[in-house]
Protein backbone atom coordinates (compact mmCIF):
# COMPACT_ATOMS: atom_id res chain seq x y z
CA UNK A 1 0.00 0.00 0.00
CA UNK A 2 1.45 3.37 -0.98
CA UNK A 3 0.93 6.56 1.04
CA UNK A 4 -1.61 7.80 -1.50
CA UNK A 5 -3.62 4.57 -1.23
CA UNK A 6 -4.07 4.84 2.52
CA UNK A 7 -7.28 6.48 3.71
CA UNK A 8 -6.87 9.39 6.07
CA UNK A 9 -7.59 8.51 9.68
CA UNK A 10 -8.84 12.05 10.26
CA UNK A 11 -9.43 14.93 7.89
CA UNK A 12 -6.77 17.62 7.82
CA UNK A 13 -7.51 20.56 10.07
CA UNK A 14 -8.85 23.59 8.27
CA UNK A 15 -7.08 26.77 9.36
CA UNK A 16 -9.02 30.03 9.41
CA UNK A 17 -7.89 33.64 9.70
CA UNK A 18 -8.88 36.37 12.16
CA UNK A 19 -11.60 37.70 9.86
CA UNK A 20 -13.31 34.30 9.81
CA UNK A 21 -12.90 33.88 13.58
CA UNK A 22 -14.51 37.21 14.46
CA UNK A 23 -17.35 36.45 12.03
CA UNK A 24 -17.96 33.07 13.68
CA UNK A 25 -17.77 34.36 17.26
CA UNK A 26 -19.45 37.73 16.58
CA UNK A 27 -16.86 39.88 18.33
CA UNK A 28 -14.50 42.58 17.10
CA UNK A 29 -10.84 42.01 16.32
CA UNK A 30 -9.93 44.20 19.28
CA UNK A 31 -12.04 42.09 21.64
CA UNK A 32 -10.55 38.91 20.18
CA UNK A 33 -7.01 40.13 20.86
CA UNK A 34 -7.95 41.15 24.41
CA UNK A 35 -9.54 37.77 25.16
CA UNK A 36 -6.45 35.98 23.84
CA UNK A 37 -4.22 38.11 26.12
CA UNK A 38 -6.51 37.36 29.07
CA UNK A 39 -6.44 33.62 28.31
CA UNK A 40 -10.17 33.59 27.58
CA UNK A 41 -9.82 32.56 23.94
CA UNK A 42 -7.56 30.03 22.17
CA UNK A 43 -4.29 31.49 20.92
CA UNK A 44 -3.62 31.26 17.20
CA UNK A 45 -1.05 29.15 15.44
CA UNK A 46 1.60 31.48 14.02
CA UNK A 47 2.95 30.58 10.59
CA UNK A 48 5.55 33.16 9.65
CA UNK A 49 3.68 36.42 10.10
CA UNK A 50 0.25 34.80 9.66
CA UNK A 51 -2.06 33.91 12.55
CA UNK A 52 -4.47 31.05 12.01
CA UNK A 53 -6.82 28.96 14.14
CA UNK A 54 -7.94 25.39 13.51
CA UNK A 55 -11.65 25.69 12.68
CA UNK A 56 -12.45 22.75 14.98
CA UNK A 57 -10.86 24.58 17.95
CA UNK A 58 -13.08 27.61 17.37
CA UNK A 59 -16.18 25.45 16.92
CA UNK A 60 -15.39 23.61 20.18
CA UNK A 61 -14.84 26.93 21.96
CA UNK A 62 -18.25 28.17 20.76
CA UNK A 63 -19.99 25.01 22.01
CA UNK A 64 -18.15 25.15 25.35
CA UNK A 65 -18.93 28.84 25.90
CA UNK A 66 -22.57 28.40 24.91
CA UNK A 67 -22.89 25.46 27.29
CA UNK A 68 -21.20 27.39 30.10
CA UNK A 69 -23.45 30.40 29.55
CA UNK A 70 -26.53 28.15 29.59
CA UNK A 71 -25.33 26.28 32.69
CA UNK A 72 -25.10 22.95 30.86
CA UNK A 73 -22.40 20.52 31.99
CA UNK A 74 -21.18 17.87 29.55
C-alpha atoms as a PDB file:
ATOM      1  CA  UNK A   1       0.000   0.000   0.000  1.00  0.00           C
ATOM      2  CA  UNK A   2       1.452   3.369  -0.983  1.00  0.00           C
ATOM      3  CA  UNK A   3       0.927   6.559   1.037  1.00  0.00           C
ATOM      4  CA  UNK A   4      -1.614   7.797  -1.504  1.00  0.00           C
ATOM      5  CA  UNK A   5      -3.617   4.567  -1.231  1.00  0.00           C
ATOM      6  CA  UNK A   6      -4.067   4.836   2.525  1.00  0.00           C
ATOM      7  CA  UNK A   7      -7.283   6.479   3.709  1.00  0.00           C
ATOM      8  CA  UNK A   8      -6.867   9.394   6.072  1.00  0.00           C
ATOM      9  CA  UNK A   9      -7.588   8.513   9.677  1.00  0.00           C
ATOM     10  CA  UNK A  10      -8.844  12.047  10.258  1.00  0.00           C
ATOM     11  CA  UNK A  11      -9.428  14.933   7.893  1.00  0.00           C
ATOM     12  CA  UNK A  12      -6.766  17.622   7.818  1.00  0.00           C
ATOM     13  CA  UNK A  13      -7.513  20.561  10.069  1.00  0.00           C
ATOM     14  CA  UNK A  14      -8.851  23.594   8.271  1.00  0.00           C
ATOM     15  CA  UNK A  15      -7.085  26.768   9.358  1.00  0.00           C
ATOM     16  CA  UNK A  16      -9.022  30.030   9.407  1.00  0.00           C
ATOM     17  CA  UNK A  17      -7.893  33.636   9.703  1.00  0.00           C
ATOM     18  CA  UNK A  18      -8.884  36.374  12.155  1.00  0.00           C
ATOM     19  CA  UNK A  19     -11.599  37.701   9.856  1.00  0.00           C
ATOM     20  CA  UNK A  20     -13.315  34.303   9.809  1.00  0.00           C
ATOM     21  CA  UNK A  21     -12.904  33.882  13.582  1.00  0.00           C
ATOM     22  CA  UNK A  22     -14.514  37.214  14.459  1.00  0.00           C
ATOM     23  CA  UNK A  23     -17.351  36.455  12.031  1.00  0.00           C
ATOM     24  CA  UNK A  24     -17.958  33.066  13.682  1.00  0.00           C
ATOM     25  CA  UNK A  25     -17.770  34.359  17.257  1.00  0.00           C
ATOM     26  CA  UNK A  26     -19.450  37.730  16.579  1.00  0.00           C
ATOM     27  CA  UNK A  27     -16.856  39.881  18.334  1.00  0.00           C
ATOM     28  CA  UNK A  28     -14.501  42.575  17.097  1.00  0.00           C
ATOM     29  CA  UNK A  29     -10.840  42.007  16.316  1.00  0.00           C
ATOM     30  CA  UNK A  30      -9.926  44.203  19.282  1.00  0.00           C
ATOM     31  CA  UNK A  31     -12.044  42.088  21.644  1.00  0.00           C
ATOM     32  CA  UNK A  32     -10.549  38.912  20.175  1.00  0.00           C
ATOM     33  CA  UNK A  33      -7.012  40.133  20.860  1.00  0.00           C
ATOM     34  CA  UNK A  34      -7.951  41.152  24.414  1.00  0.00           C
ATOM     35  CA  UNK A  35      -9.542  37.775  25.156  1.00  0.00           C
ATOM     36  CA  UNK A  36      -6.451  35.976  23.845  1.00  0.00           C
ATOM     37  CA  UNK A  37      -4.217  38.107  26.116  1.00  0.00           C
ATOM     38  CA  UNK A  38      -6.506  37.356  29.069  1.00  0.00           C
ATOM     39  CA  UNK A  39      -6.442  33.618  28.310  1.00  0.00           C
ATOM     40  CA  UNK A  40     -10.174  33.586  27.578  1.00  0.00           C
ATOM     41  CA  UNK A  41      -9.817  32.562  23.940  1.00  0.00           C
ATOM     42  CA  UNK A  42      -7.562  30.028  22.166  1.00  0.00           C
ATOM     43  CA  UNK A  43      -4.291  31.487  20.924  1.00  0.00           C
ATOM     44  CA  UNK A  44      -3.624  31.255  17.198  1.00  0.00           C
ATOM     45  CA  UNK A  45      -1.046  29.155  15.441  1.00  0.00           C
ATOM     46  CA  UNK A  46       1.599  31.483  14.018  1.00  0.00           C
ATOM     47  CA  UNK A  47       2.946  30.580  10.587  1.00  0.00           C
ATOM     48  CA  UNK A  48       5.550  33.164   9.650  1.00  0.00           C
ATOM     49  CA  UNK A  49       3.678  36.424  10.099  1.00  0.00           C
ATOM     50  CA  UNK A  50       0.250  34.797   9.664  1.00  0.00           C
ATOM     51  CA  UNK A  51      -2.065  33.912  12.553  1.00  0.00           C
ATOM     52  CA  UNK A  52      -4.472  31.048  12.006  1.00  0.00           C
ATOM     53  CA  UNK A  53      -6.822  28.962  14.143  1.00  0.00           C
ATOM     54  CA  UNK A  54      -7.943  25.394  13.513  1.00  0.00           C
ATOM     55  CA  UNK A  55     -11.648  25.687  12.679  1.00  0.00           C
ATOM     56  CA  UNK A  56     -12.446  22.746  14.980  1.00  0.00           C
ATOM     57  CA  UNK A  57     -10.856  24.578  17.950  1.00  0.00           C
ATOM     58  CA  UNK A  58     -13.081  27.610  17.369  1.00  0.00           C
ATOM     59  CA  UNK A  59     -16.184  25.447  16.923  1.00  0.00           C
ATOM     60  CA  UNK A  60     -15.392  23.613  20.175  1.00  0.00           C
ATOM     61  CA  UNK A  61     -14.841  26.931  21.960  1.00  0.00           C
ATOM     62  CA  UNK A  62     -18.252  28.169  20.757  1.00  0.00           C
ATOM     63  CA  UNK A  63     -19.986  25.015  22.015  1.00  0.00           C
ATOM     64  CA  UNK A  64     -18.151  25.154  25.348  1.00  0.00           C
ATOM     65  CA  UNK A  65     -18.925  28.838  25.898  1.00  0.00           C
ATOM     66  CA  UNK A  66     -22.571  28.399  24.906  1.00  0.00           C
ATOM     67  CA  UNK A  67     -22.895  25.456  27.288  1.00  0.00           C
ATOM     68  CA  UNK A  68     -21.204  27.391  30.097  1.00  0.00           C
ATOM     69  CA  UNK A  69     -23.452  30.400  29.547  1.00  0.00           C
ATOM     70  CA  UNK A  70     -26.530  28.147  29.589  1.00  0.00           C
ATOM     71  CA  UNK A  71     -25.329  26.283  32.688  1.00  0.00           C
ATOM     72  CA  UNK A  72     -25.104  22.954  30.863  1.00  0.00           C
ATOM     73  CA  UNK A  73     -22.401  20.517  31.988  1.00  0.00           C
ATOM     74  CA  UNK A  74     -21.178  17.870  29.549  1.00  0.00           C
END
